[in-house]
Structures are given as C-alpha cells and as structure tokens.
N, C-alpha and C. Protein backbone atom coordinates (compact mmCIF):
# COMPACT_ATOMS: atom_id res chain seq x y z
N MET A 1 105.62 108.53 57.88
CA MET A 1 106.03 108.97 59.19
C MET A 1 107.55 108.92 59.29
N SER A 2 108.11 109.96 59.86
CA SER A 2 109.56 110.03 59.94
C SER A 2 110.10 109.02 60.96
N ARG A 3 111.33 108.70 60.79
CA ARG A 3 111.98 107.74 61.68
C ARG A 3 112.05 108.28 63.11
N LEU A 4 112.31 109.55 63.27
CA LEU A 4 112.39 110.19 64.58
C LEU A 4 111.04 110.11 65.28
N LEU A 5 109.96 110.41 64.56
CA LEU A 5 108.62 110.38 65.14
C LEU A 5 108.26 108.96 65.58
N ARG A 6 108.57 107.97 64.78
CA ARG A 6 108.31 106.57 65.15
C ARG A 6 109.09 106.17 66.40
N THR A 7 110.32 106.61 66.50
CA THR A 7 111.15 106.31 67.67
C THR A 7 110.56 106.94 68.92
N ILE A 8 110.11 108.18 68.82
CA ILE A 8 109.51 108.88 69.96
C ILE A 8 108.23 108.16 70.40
N ILE A 9 107.38 107.79 69.45
CA ILE A 9 106.14 107.09 69.78
C ILE A 9 106.44 105.75 70.45
N LEU A 10 107.42 105.03 69.93
CA LEU A 10 107.80 103.75 70.52
C LEU A 10 108.31 103.93 71.95
N LEU A 11 109.14 104.94 72.18
CA LEU A 11 109.66 105.20 73.52
C LEU A 11 108.55 105.56 74.49
N VAL A 12 107.59 106.37 74.05
CA VAL A 12 106.46 106.74 74.90
C VAL A 12 105.63 105.51 75.26
N LEU A 13 105.39 104.64 74.28
CA LEU A 13 104.62 103.42 74.54
C LEU A 13 105.34 102.50 75.52
N VAL A 14 106.62 102.32 75.33
CA VAL A 14 107.40 101.46 76.22
C VAL A 14 107.42 102.05 77.63
N ALA A 15 107.61 103.34 77.75
CA ALA A 15 107.64 103.98 79.06
C ALA A 15 106.30 103.88 79.77
N SER A 16 105.22 104.00 79.04
CA SER A 16 103.91 103.94 79.67
C SER A 16 103.57 102.53 80.14
N CYS A 17 104.10 101.52 79.49
CA CYS A 17 103.84 100.14 79.91
C CYS A 17 104.51 99.81 81.23
N GLY A 18 105.63 100.42 81.52
CA GLY A 18 106.38 100.10 82.73
C GLY A 18 106.04 100.96 83.92
N SER A 19 105.17 101.93 83.76
CA SER A 19 104.90 102.83 84.87
C SER A 19 103.89 102.22 85.83
N LYS A 20 104.03 102.55 87.10
CA LYS A 20 103.12 102.08 88.14
C LYS A 20 102.44 103.28 88.77
N ASP A 21 101.28 103.03 89.34
CA ASP A 21 100.58 104.08 90.08
C ASP A 21 100.98 103.97 91.54
N PHE A 22 101.84 104.88 91.99
CA PHE A 22 102.32 104.84 93.36
C PHE A 22 101.57 105.80 94.26
N GLN A 23 100.53 106.44 93.77
CA GLN A 23 99.77 107.37 94.60
C GLN A 23 99.07 106.63 95.72
N ALA A 24 98.97 107.30 96.84
CA ALA A 24 98.26 106.72 97.98
C ALA A 24 96.76 106.75 97.71
N PRO A 25 96.05 105.78 98.25
CA PRO A 25 94.58 105.83 98.15
C PRO A 25 94.05 107.07 98.88
N ARG A 26 92.87 107.49 98.47
CA ARG A 26 92.23 108.60 99.18
C ARG A 26 91.72 108.10 100.53
N ASN A 27 91.59 108.98 101.48
CA ASN A 27 91.02 108.71 102.80
C ASN A 27 91.71 107.54 103.50
N LEU A 28 92.91 107.77 103.93
CA LEU A 28 93.70 106.74 104.60
C LEU A 28 93.21 106.41 106.00
N ASP A 29 92.21 107.16 106.47
CA ASP A 29 91.62 106.87 107.77
C ASP A 29 90.45 105.90 107.66
N ASP A 30 90.17 105.41 106.48
CA ASP A 30 89.04 104.49 106.27
C ASP A 30 89.55 103.23 105.56
N ALA A 31 89.68 102.14 106.32
CA ALA A 31 90.20 100.89 105.76
C ALA A 31 89.32 100.37 104.63
N CYS A 32 87.99 100.56 104.74
CA CYS A 32 87.08 100.09 103.69
C CYS A 32 87.34 100.83 102.39
N SER A 33 87.58 102.12 102.49
CA SER A 33 87.87 102.92 101.31
C SER A 33 89.19 102.50 100.67
N ILE A 34 90.19 102.21 101.50
CA ILE A 34 91.50 101.79 100.99
C ILE A 34 91.36 100.49 100.20
N VAL A 35 90.69 99.50 100.77
CA VAL A 35 90.60 98.20 100.09
C VAL A 35 89.62 98.24 98.91
N GLN A 36 88.69 99.18 98.95
CA GLN A 36 87.80 99.34 97.79
C GLN A 36 88.57 99.92 96.61
N GLN A 37 89.42 100.91 96.89
CA GLN A 37 90.21 101.53 95.82
C GLN A 37 91.35 100.63 95.36
N ARG A 38 91.95 99.89 96.28
CA ARG A 38 93.11 99.05 95.97
C ARG A 38 92.87 97.63 96.48
N PRO A 39 92.00 96.87 95.81
CA PRO A 39 91.73 95.50 96.29
C PRO A 39 92.99 94.62 96.32
N GLU A 40 93.98 94.97 95.50
CA GLU A 40 95.23 94.19 95.51
C GLU A 40 95.96 94.33 96.85
N TYR A 41 95.76 95.44 97.57
CA TYR A 41 96.37 95.61 98.88
C TYR A 41 95.82 94.56 99.84
N LEU A 42 94.50 94.43 99.86
CA LEU A 42 93.88 93.47 100.77
C LEU A 42 94.29 92.04 100.41
N ARG A 43 94.33 91.73 99.12
CA ARG A 43 94.77 90.38 98.70
C ARG A 43 96.19 90.11 99.19
N ALA A 44 97.07 91.08 99.03
CA ALA A 44 98.47 90.90 99.45
C ALA A 44 98.57 90.73 100.96
N MET A 45 97.80 91.52 101.70
CA MET A 45 97.86 91.45 103.17
C MET A 45 97.26 90.15 103.68
N LYS A 46 96.19 89.69 103.06
CA LYS A 46 95.60 88.41 103.47
C LYS A 46 96.55 87.25 103.17
N GLN A 47 97.26 87.36 102.06
CA GLN A 47 98.24 86.33 101.73
C GLN A 47 99.37 86.32 102.77
N ALA A 48 99.83 87.51 103.16
CA ALA A 48 100.87 87.60 104.19
C ALA A 48 100.34 87.10 105.53
N GLU A 49 99.07 87.38 105.82
CA GLU A 49 98.46 86.91 107.06
C GLU A 49 98.42 85.38 107.09
N ARG A 50 98.04 84.76 105.98
CA ARG A 50 98.01 83.29 105.92
C ARG A 50 99.41 82.70 106.07
N LYS A 51 100.39 83.31 105.43
CA LYS A 51 101.75 82.78 105.45
C LYS A 51 102.45 83.03 106.79
N TRP A 52 102.30 84.25 107.33
CA TRP A 52 103.10 84.65 108.49
C TRP A 52 102.29 84.81 109.77
N ASN A 53 100.97 84.74 109.67
CA ASN A 53 100.08 84.86 110.82
C ASN A 53 100.07 86.28 111.43
N VAL A 54 100.40 87.28 110.62
CA VAL A 54 100.34 88.67 111.06
C VAL A 54 98.98 89.23 110.64
N PRO A 55 98.19 89.77 111.58
CA PRO A 55 96.86 90.27 111.24
C PRO A 55 96.91 91.41 110.22
N VAL A 56 95.93 91.41 109.31
CA VAL A 56 95.84 92.44 108.28
C VAL A 56 95.85 93.85 108.87
N PRO A 57 95.06 94.14 109.93
CA PRO A 57 95.06 95.51 110.48
C PRO A 57 96.44 95.96 110.98
N VAL A 58 97.22 95.02 111.48
CA VAL A 58 98.58 95.35 111.94
C VAL A 58 99.43 95.75 110.73
N LEU A 59 99.36 94.95 109.66
CA LEU A 59 100.11 95.28 108.45
C LEU A 59 99.68 96.63 107.89
N MET A 60 98.37 96.87 107.85
CA MET A 60 97.86 98.13 107.31
C MET A 60 98.37 99.33 108.11
N ALA A 61 98.32 99.21 109.43
CA ALA A 61 98.75 100.33 110.29
C ALA A 61 100.25 100.58 110.14
N MET A 62 101.03 99.52 110.03
CA MET A 62 102.47 99.69 109.88
C MET A 62 102.80 100.32 108.52
N ILE A 63 102.13 99.87 107.47
CA ILE A 63 102.39 100.46 106.15
C ILE A 63 101.95 101.92 106.13
N TYR A 64 100.82 102.22 106.76
CA TYR A 64 100.39 103.60 106.85
C TYR A 64 101.50 104.45 107.49
N GLN A 65 102.02 103.99 108.61
CA GLN A 65 103.03 104.77 109.31
C GLN A 65 104.33 104.88 108.52
N GLU A 66 104.72 103.81 107.87
CA GLU A 66 105.99 103.81 107.17
C GLU A 66 105.95 104.61 105.87
N SER A 67 104.89 104.48 105.09
CA SER A 67 104.92 105.07 103.75
C SER A 67 103.64 105.79 103.33
N LYS A 68 102.62 105.76 104.19
CA LYS A 68 101.30 106.31 103.83
C LYS A 68 100.78 105.66 102.55
N PHE A 69 101.13 104.39 102.34
CA PHE A 69 100.70 103.60 101.18
C PHE A 69 101.23 104.15 99.85
N ILE A 70 102.37 104.81 99.90
CA ILE A 70 103.03 105.31 98.69
C ILE A 70 104.15 104.32 98.35
N GLY A 71 103.99 103.62 97.24
CA GLY A 71 104.87 102.52 96.90
C GLY A 71 106.32 102.89 96.66
N ASN A 72 106.57 104.09 96.15
CA ASN A 72 107.95 104.49 95.87
C ASN A 72 108.46 105.54 96.85
N ASN A 73 107.93 105.51 98.05
CA ASN A 73 108.31 106.47 99.08
C ASN A 73 109.77 106.31 99.47
N ARG A 74 110.44 107.44 99.65
CA ARG A 74 111.85 107.47 100.08
C ARG A 74 111.99 108.45 101.23
N THR A 75 113.07 108.31 101.96
CA THR A 75 113.36 109.27 103.01
C THR A 75 113.81 110.58 102.37
N PRO A 76 113.66 111.69 103.09
CA PRO A 76 114.06 112.99 102.53
C PRO A 76 115.57 113.09 102.29
N MET A 77 115.92 114.01 101.42
CA MET A 77 117.34 114.27 101.14
C MET A 77 117.93 115.09 102.29
N LYS A 78 119.23 114.93 102.50
CA LYS A 78 119.98 115.77 103.44
C LYS A 78 120.76 116.79 102.61
N TYR A 79 120.87 117.99 103.13
CA TYR A 79 121.58 119.06 102.42
C TYR A 79 122.59 119.73 103.33
N ALA A 80 123.75 120.07 102.78
CA ALA A 80 124.75 120.87 103.48
C ALA A 80 124.51 122.32 103.09
N LEU A 81 124.55 123.19 104.05
CA LEU A 81 124.33 124.62 103.84
C LEU A 81 122.97 124.89 103.18
N GLY A 82 122.07 123.93 103.30
CA GLY A 82 120.72 124.10 102.78
C GLY A 82 120.57 123.91 101.28
N VAL A 83 121.68 123.72 100.54
CA VAL A 83 121.57 123.61 99.09
C VAL A 83 122.38 122.46 98.47
N ILE A 84 123.41 122.00 99.13
CA ILE A 84 124.28 120.97 98.55
C ILE A 84 123.74 119.60 98.97
N PRO A 85 123.23 118.82 97.98
CA PRO A 85 122.66 117.52 98.35
C PRO A 85 123.73 116.54 98.83
N LEU A 86 123.45 115.89 99.97
CA LEU A 86 124.38 114.93 100.55
C LEU A 86 123.87 113.49 100.45
N GLY A 87 122.69 113.32 99.93
CA GLY A 87 122.11 111.99 99.85
C GLY A 87 120.90 111.88 100.76
N ARG A 88 120.31 110.73 100.79
CA ARG A 88 119.10 110.51 101.58
C ARG A 88 119.46 110.18 103.02
N GLN A 89 118.49 110.39 103.91
CA GLN A 89 118.70 110.13 105.34
C GLN A 89 119.00 108.66 105.60
N SER A 90 118.39 107.78 104.80
CA SER A 90 118.67 106.35 104.91
C SER A 90 118.31 105.70 103.58
N SER A 91 118.54 104.40 103.47
CA SER A 91 118.23 103.68 102.24
C SER A 91 116.80 103.15 102.23
N ALA A 92 115.99 103.53 103.22
CA ALA A 92 114.60 103.05 103.31
C ALA A 92 113.84 103.42 102.04
N TYR A 93 113.07 102.44 101.53
CA TYR A 93 112.35 102.64 100.28
C TYR A 93 111.11 101.75 100.26
N GLY A 94 110.09 102.23 99.59
CA GLY A 94 108.91 101.42 99.30
C GLY A 94 107.84 101.47 100.37
N TYR A 95 106.84 100.61 100.19
CA TYR A 95 105.72 100.55 101.13
C TYR A 95 106.17 100.29 102.55
N ALA A 96 107.12 99.38 102.73
CA ALA A 96 107.56 98.96 104.06
C ALA A 96 108.74 99.79 104.57
N GLN A 97 109.26 100.69 103.75
CA GLN A 97 110.44 101.48 104.10
C GLN A 97 111.58 100.57 104.57
N ALA A 98 111.77 99.48 103.84
CA ALA A 98 112.82 98.53 104.16
C ALA A 98 114.19 99.09 103.77
N LEU A 99 115.15 98.92 104.65
CA LEU A 99 116.52 99.34 104.38
C LEU A 99 117.18 98.36 103.41
N ASP A 100 118.16 98.85 102.66
CA ASP A 100 118.85 98.02 101.67
C ASP A 100 119.34 96.69 102.24
N GLY A 101 120.05 96.73 103.35
CA GLY A 101 120.63 95.52 103.92
C GLY A 101 119.59 94.52 104.38
N THR A 102 118.54 95.01 105.03
CA THR A 102 117.48 94.13 105.52
C THR A 102 116.71 93.53 104.35
N TRP A 103 116.48 94.36 103.32
CA TRP A 103 115.78 93.86 102.13
C TRP A 103 116.59 92.76 101.44
N GLU A 104 117.89 92.96 101.35
CA GLU A 104 118.74 91.95 100.71
C GLU A 104 118.73 90.64 101.51
N GLU A 105 118.74 90.76 102.83
CA GLU A 105 118.64 89.56 103.67
C GLU A 105 117.33 88.83 103.41
N TYR A 106 116.23 89.58 103.33
CA TYR A 106 114.91 88.99 103.03
C TYR A 106 114.93 88.31 101.66
N ARG A 107 115.49 88.98 100.66
CA ARG A 107 115.52 88.39 99.31
C ARG A 107 116.32 87.09 99.30
N ARG A 108 117.43 87.08 100.02
CA ARG A 108 118.27 85.87 100.08
C ARG A 108 117.57 84.72 100.80
N THR A 109 116.88 85.01 101.90
CA THR A 109 116.33 83.95 102.74
C THR A 109 114.91 83.55 102.38
N ASP A 110 114.09 84.49 101.89
CA ASP A 110 112.69 84.12 101.69
C ASP A 110 112.01 84.78 100.49
N GLY A 111 112.38 85.99 100.16
CA GLY A 111 111.64 86.75 99.16
C GLY A 111 111.96 86.45 97.71
N GLY A 112 113.13 85.92 97.47
CA GLY A 112 113.56 85.68 96.09
C GLY A 112 114.21 86.91 95.48
N ARG A 113 115.02 86.70 94.49
CA ARG A 113 115.81 87.81 93.95
C ARG A 113 114.99 88.82 93.17
N PHE A 114 113.77 88.47 92.78
CA PHE A 114 112.95 89.40 92.01
C PHE A 114 111.98 90.20 92.88
N ALA A 115 112.03 90.04 94.20
CA ALA A 115 111.15 90.80 95.10
C ALA A 115 111.49 92.28 95.02
N LYS A 116 110.44 93.11 95.03
CA LYS A 116 110.62 94.56 94.92
C LYS A 116 109.95 95.28 96.08
N ARG A 117 110.63 96.28 96.60
CA ARG A 117 110.08 97.04 97.72
C ARG A 117 108.88 97.89 97.32
N ASP A 118 108.73 98.18 96.04
CA ASP A 118 107.59 99.00 95.61
C ASP A 118 106.42 98.14 95.10
N ASP A 119 106.45 96.86 95.42
CA ASP A 119 105.36 95.93 95.10
C ASP A 119 104.67 95.58 96.42
N ILE A 120 103.37 95.85 96.51
CA ILE A 120 102.65 95.66 97.77
C ILE A 120 102.70 94.22 98.25
N LYS A 121 102.67 93.27 97.33
CA LYS A 121 102.72 91.85 97.71
C LYS A 121 104.06 91.52 98.36
N ASP A 122 105.14 91.98 97.76
CA ASP A 122 106.47 91.73 98.32
C ASP A 122 106.67 92.49 99.63
N ALA A 123 106.17 93.72 99.69
CA ALA A 123 106.34 94.54 100.89
C ALA A 123 105.62 93.94 102.09
N THR A 124 104.39 93.46 101.89
CA THR A 124 103.66 92.86 103.00
C THR A 124 104.28 91.52 103.41
N ASP A 125 104.76 90.77 102.43
CA ASP A 125 105.45 89.53 102.75
C ASP A 125 106.71 89.81 103.56
N PHE A 126 107.44 90.86 103.17
CA PHE A 126 108.63 91.27 103.91
C PHE A 126 108.28 91.60 105.36
N MET A 127 107.21 92.37 105.54
CA MET A 127 106.83 92.76 106.90
C MET A 127 106.46 91.53 107.74
N GLY A 128 105.74 90.59 107.14
CA GLY A 128 105.41 89.36 107.85
C GLY A 128 106.66 88.59 108.24
N TRP A 129 107.60 88.49 107.30
CA TRP A 129 108.87 87.81 107.55
C TRP A 129 109.61 88.50 108.70
N TYR A 130 109.71 89.83 108.63
CA TYR A 130 110.45 90.59 109.64
C TYR A 130 109.79 90.45 111.01
N MET A 131 108.47 90.57 111.04
CA MET A 131 107.76 90.51 112.32
C MET A 131 107.86 89.11 112.94
N ASN A 132 107.94 88.06 112.13
CA ASN A 132 108.12 86.72 112.67
C ASN A 132 109.52 86.55 113.26
N LEU A 133 110.52 87.16 112.64
CA LEU A 133 111.86 87.15 113.23
C LEU A 133 111.86 87.91 114.55
N THR A 134 111.09 89.00 114.60
CA THR A 134 110.96 89.75 115.85
C THR A 134 110.34 88.88 116.94
N LEU A 135 109.30 88.13 116.59
CA LEU A 135 108.68 87.21 117.54
C LEU A 135 109.70 86.20 118.05
N LEU A 136 110.47 85.61 117.14
CA LEU A 136 111.45 84.61 117.54
C LEU A 136 112.56 85.18 118.42
N GLU A 137 113.04 86.38 118.09
CA GLU A 137 114.19 86.95 118.80
C GLU A 137 113.82 87.73 120.06
N THR A 138 112.61 88.29 120.09
CA THR A 138 112.25 89.16 121.23
C THR A 138 111.06 88.65 122.01
N GLY A 139 110.28 87.78 121.41
CA GLY A 139 109.07 87.29 122.08
C GLY A 139 107.86 88.19 121.90
N VAL A 140 107.97 89.26 121.13
CA VAL A 140 106.85 90.18 120.93
C VAL A 140 105.80 89.49 120.04
N PRO A 141 104.58 89.31 120.55
CA PRO A 141 103.54 88.65 119.75
C PRO A 141 103.23 89.41 118.46
N LEU A 142 102.76 88.67 117.46
CA LEU A 142 102.47 89.27 116.15
C LEU A 142 101.30 90.23 116.19
N ASN A 143 100.43 90.11 117.18
CA ASN A 143 99.30 91.04 117.27
C ASN A 143 99.57 92.20 118.24
N ASP A 144 100.78 92.30 118.75
CA ASP A 144 101.18 93.42 119.61
C ASP A 144 101.74 94.52 118.72
N THR A 145 100.84 95.29 118.14
CA THR A 145 101.23 96.29 117.14
C THR A 145 102.25 97.27 117.68
N ARG A 146 102.02 97.76 118.88
CA ARG A 146 102.89 98.79 119.46
C ARG A 146 104.34 98.31 119.54
N ASN A 147 104.55 97.17 120.17
CA ASN A 147 105.93 96.68 120.34
C ASN A 147 106.52 96.14 119.06
N GLN A 148 105.70 95.56 118.19
CA GLN A 148 106.21 95.16 116.88
C GLN A 148 106.70 96.40 116.12
N TYR A 149 105.95 97.51 116.22
CA TYR A 149 106.39 98.72 115.52
C TYR A 149 107.69 99.26 116.12
N LEU A 150 107.80 99.24 117.44
CA LEU A 150 109.05 99.71 118.07
C LEU A 150 110.24 98.88 117.60
N ALA A 151 110.06 97.56 117.52
CA ALA A 151 111.14 96.69 117.05
C ALA A 151 111.40 96.89 115.56
N TYR A 152 110.35 97.20 114.80
CA TYR A 152 110.51 97.45 113.37
C TYR A 152 111.30 98.74 113.15
N HIS A 153 110.97 99.76 113.92
CA HIS A 153 111.63 101.07 113.75
C HIS A 153 113.07 101.05 114.24
N ASP A 154 113.31 100.53 115.43
CA ASP A 154 114.65 100.58 116.02
C ASP A 154 115.47 99.32 115.74
N GLY A 155 114.88 98.36 115.06
CA GLY A 155 115.56 97.09 114.83
C GLY A 155 115.43 96.21 116.05
N ARG A 156 115.56 94.92 115.86
CA ARG A 156 115.38 93.99 116.98
C ARG A 156 116.45 94.18 118.06
N THR A 157 117.67 94.43 117.65
CA THR A 157 118.74 94.64 118.63
C THR A 157 118.48 95.91 119.43
N GLY A 158 118.08 96.98 118.75
CA GLY A 158 117.75 98.23 119.44
C GLY A 158 116.57 98.05 120.39
N TYR A 159 115.59 97.27 119.94
CA TYR A 159 114.43 97.01 120.80
C TYR A 159 114.86 96.26 122.07
N LEU A 160 115.67 95.23 121.90
CA LEU A 160 116.13 94.47 123.07
C LEU A 160 116.97 95.31 124.02
N ARG A 161 117.72 96.27 123.47
CA ARG A 161 118.50 97.20 124.31
C ARG A 161 117.62 98.25 124.96
N GLY A 162 116.42 98.43 124.44
CA GLY A 162 115.51 99.45 124.98
C GLY A 162 115.80 100.84 124.46
N SER A 163 116.40 100.94 123.26
CA SER A 163 116.77 102.25 122.72
C SER A 163 115.57 103.16 122.52
N TYR A 164 114.40 102.59 122.35
CA TYR A 164 113.18 103.38 122.13
C TYR A 164 112.71 104.10 123.39
N LYS A 165 113.13 103.64 124.57
CA LYS A 165 112.61 104.18 125.83
C LYS A 165 112.93 105.65 126.03
N SER A 166 114.01 106.11 125.45
CA SER A 166 114.37 107.54 125.60
C SER A 166 113.82 108.40 124.46
N LYS A 167 113.08 107.80 123.56
CA LYS A 167 112.52 108.53 122.41
C LYS A 167 111.02 108.73 122.62
N THR A 168 110.68 109.81 123.30
CA THR A 168 109.26 110.05 123.58
C THR A 168 108.44 110.19 122.30
N TRP A 169 109.03 110.77 121.26
CA TRP A 169 108.32 110.91 120.00
C TRP A 169 108.00 109.55 119.38
N LEU A 170 108.93 108.59 119.50
CA LEU A 170 108.72 107.26 118.94
C LEU A 170 107.66 106.49 119.75
N LEU A 171 107.68 106.65 121.06
CA LEU A 171 106.66 106.00 121.89
C LEU A 171 105.27 106.53 121.54
N ARG A 172 105.17 107.83 121.28
CA ARG A 172 103.89 108.43 120.87
C ARG A 172 103.44 107.85 119.53
N ILE A 173 104.37 107.75 118.59
CA ILE A 173 104.03 107.21 117.26
C ILE A 173 103.63 105.74 117.37
N ALA A 174 104.33 104.98 118.21
CA ALA A 174 103.98 103.56 118.39
C ALA A 174 102.56 103.42 118.93
N ASP A 175 102.17 104.31 119.85
CA ASP A 175 100.80 104.31 120.35
C ASP A 175 99.82 104.64 119.23
N GLU A 176 100.19 105.58 118.38
CA GLU A 176 99.31 105.94 117.25
C GLU A 176 99.16 104.78 116.27
N VAL A 177 100.25 104.06 116.01
CA VAL A 177 100.19 102.91 115.12
C VAL A 177 99.27 101.84 115.73
N ASN A 178 99.39 101.63 117.02
CA ASN A 178 98.53 100.67 117.70
C ASN A 178 97.05 101.08 117.59
N ASP A 179 96.77 102.36 117.84
CA ASP A 179 95.39 102.87 117.73
C ASP A 179 94.86 102.72 116.31
N ARG A 180 95.71 102.96 115.33
CA ARG A 180 95.29 102.84 113.93
C ARG A 180 94.97 101.38 113.59
N ALA A 181 95.76 100.45 114.10
CA ALA A 181 95.48 99.03 113.86
C ALA A 181 94.13 98.65 114.44
N LEU A 182 93.83 99.15 115.64
CA LEU A 182 92.52 98.87 116.25
C LEU A 182 91.39 99.48 115.42
N MET A 183 91.61 100.71 114.94
CA MET A 183 90.61 101.38 114.11
C MET A 183 90.39 100.61 112.80
N TYR A 184 91.49 100.24 112.13
CA TYR A 184 91.38 99.48 110.89
C TYR A 184 90.67 98.14 111.12
N ASP A 185 90.96 97.50 112.24
CA ASP A 185 90.33 96.22 112.55
C ASP A 185 88.81 96.38 112.65
N GLN A 186 88.36 97.39 113.39
CA GLN A 186 86.92 97.64 113.51
C GLN A 186 86.30 97.95 112.16
N GLN A 187 86.96 98.78 111.36
CA GLN A 187 86.43 99.17 110.07
C GLN A 187 86.35 97.97 109.13
N LEU A 188 87.38 97.14 109.11
CA LEU A 188 87.37 95.98 108.22
C LEU A 188 86.26 95.00 108.59
N ARG A 189 85.97 94.88 109.88
CA ARG A 189 84.86 94.02 110.30
C ARG A 189 83.53 94.56 109.79
N LEU A 190 83.38 95.90 109.83
CA LEU A 190 82.12 96.52 109.36
C LEU A 190 82.00 96.44 107.85
N CYS A 191 83.06 96.71 107.12
CA CYS A 191 82.93 96.71 105.66
C CYS A 191 82.76 95.29 105.12
N ALA A 192 83.18 94.28 105.87
CA ALA A 192 82.95 92.90 105.45
C ALA A 192 81.47 92.56 105.52
N LYS A 193 80.72 93.29 106.39
CA LYS A 193 79.28 93.03 106.53
C LYS A 193 78.44 93.78 105.51
N ARG A 194 79.05 94.74 104.83
CA ARG A 194 78.30 95.55 103.84
C ARG A 194 77.89 94.75 102.65
C-alpha cells in the first residue's frame, strides 16, 4: 500500500472518530419519541433538574425553541448587498444558543473549561445555571417557562427593564414555549407509564 493511501485512510479514520451526530430527533412534537431516540438527552436533563431544580419539560421546551435540538446550531449569516458575508447575527451556538460571553462566564463559574455548547449535558447544565441566576436576580420561578424564556432571550437586565413588552413576536413565542413545556410534561408522564 502506498504511503499516500495509508495517510488518506488514517485521516478518514481520525475524522470519523471525532464526528458527532448533530441532527435533530424526528418528531419534535413528541417528547416520548425524542427521549426514545436520544436517551442521553433525558439523562442530561434529569441531571440538570437534580442539580438546578429546573423541570425537564421546561428545559426541553427551551432547547426546542433555541435550537430545535440541533447541537451545532448557529444564527444565520448577515450579508451586505445580498452576497458579501458580514458574519453571523450573534455568537449564539449549540443546543442552548448560548452567547460567547455568557458561555465563558458559565465556564469560569460553574461549567469548567472543557464544557462545550454542542454537548447536551453541558448545554442543559448551562440552562439550569442561567435560569437559577434569573430566579435570584428577577424572582422568576424556575417552573415559570414563559417568563424564564423572556429573561433568557432578552437577558436578565432586559427582562427587568421590560424590553420584551414592546416585542409582540417575542411575547407570542414565549407563550408557545410555555405551551410546549406543558405538552412535553403531559407526554413525559404518559410515556413513563408505558
């Protein structure tokens, strides 16, 4: 076997070992289907629930809204004149769509330097951490999905200022996230009985 062929085979093997499956589960409207396809999601969310006291359905609904369960999700690119790339709309990345600065704060204070935004365990832990800070700073209960989402989207300072009140589209989405958490909660109760 030639040296070039061996090098190519080695590179392909190394590349395949490091790849992750970032595809979303099928049927995102069925919590039982999600956890059946990705049992590691439920394990991660239950671990975050034990640590941070954030209910699993709340975490699921927030992750659905933020990334549709796509681990390497990014915000869209911005273009000048429709063709010249200017960069992404924000630095949000991963399951939780955490911004660079907020993620770094989490890594420094609780997540550790090896935490990754495209790892479901780290992403759910981040959300639990963030939502607990929201509880401390704003008083929004951890099971108040709607207001936790508003504070997550606009930041705690924006939430306290009421910046979301003029965003009818965001209020509609917050209601949808709340409804999804209720739906996921009912479904998870039923699939636990199966």
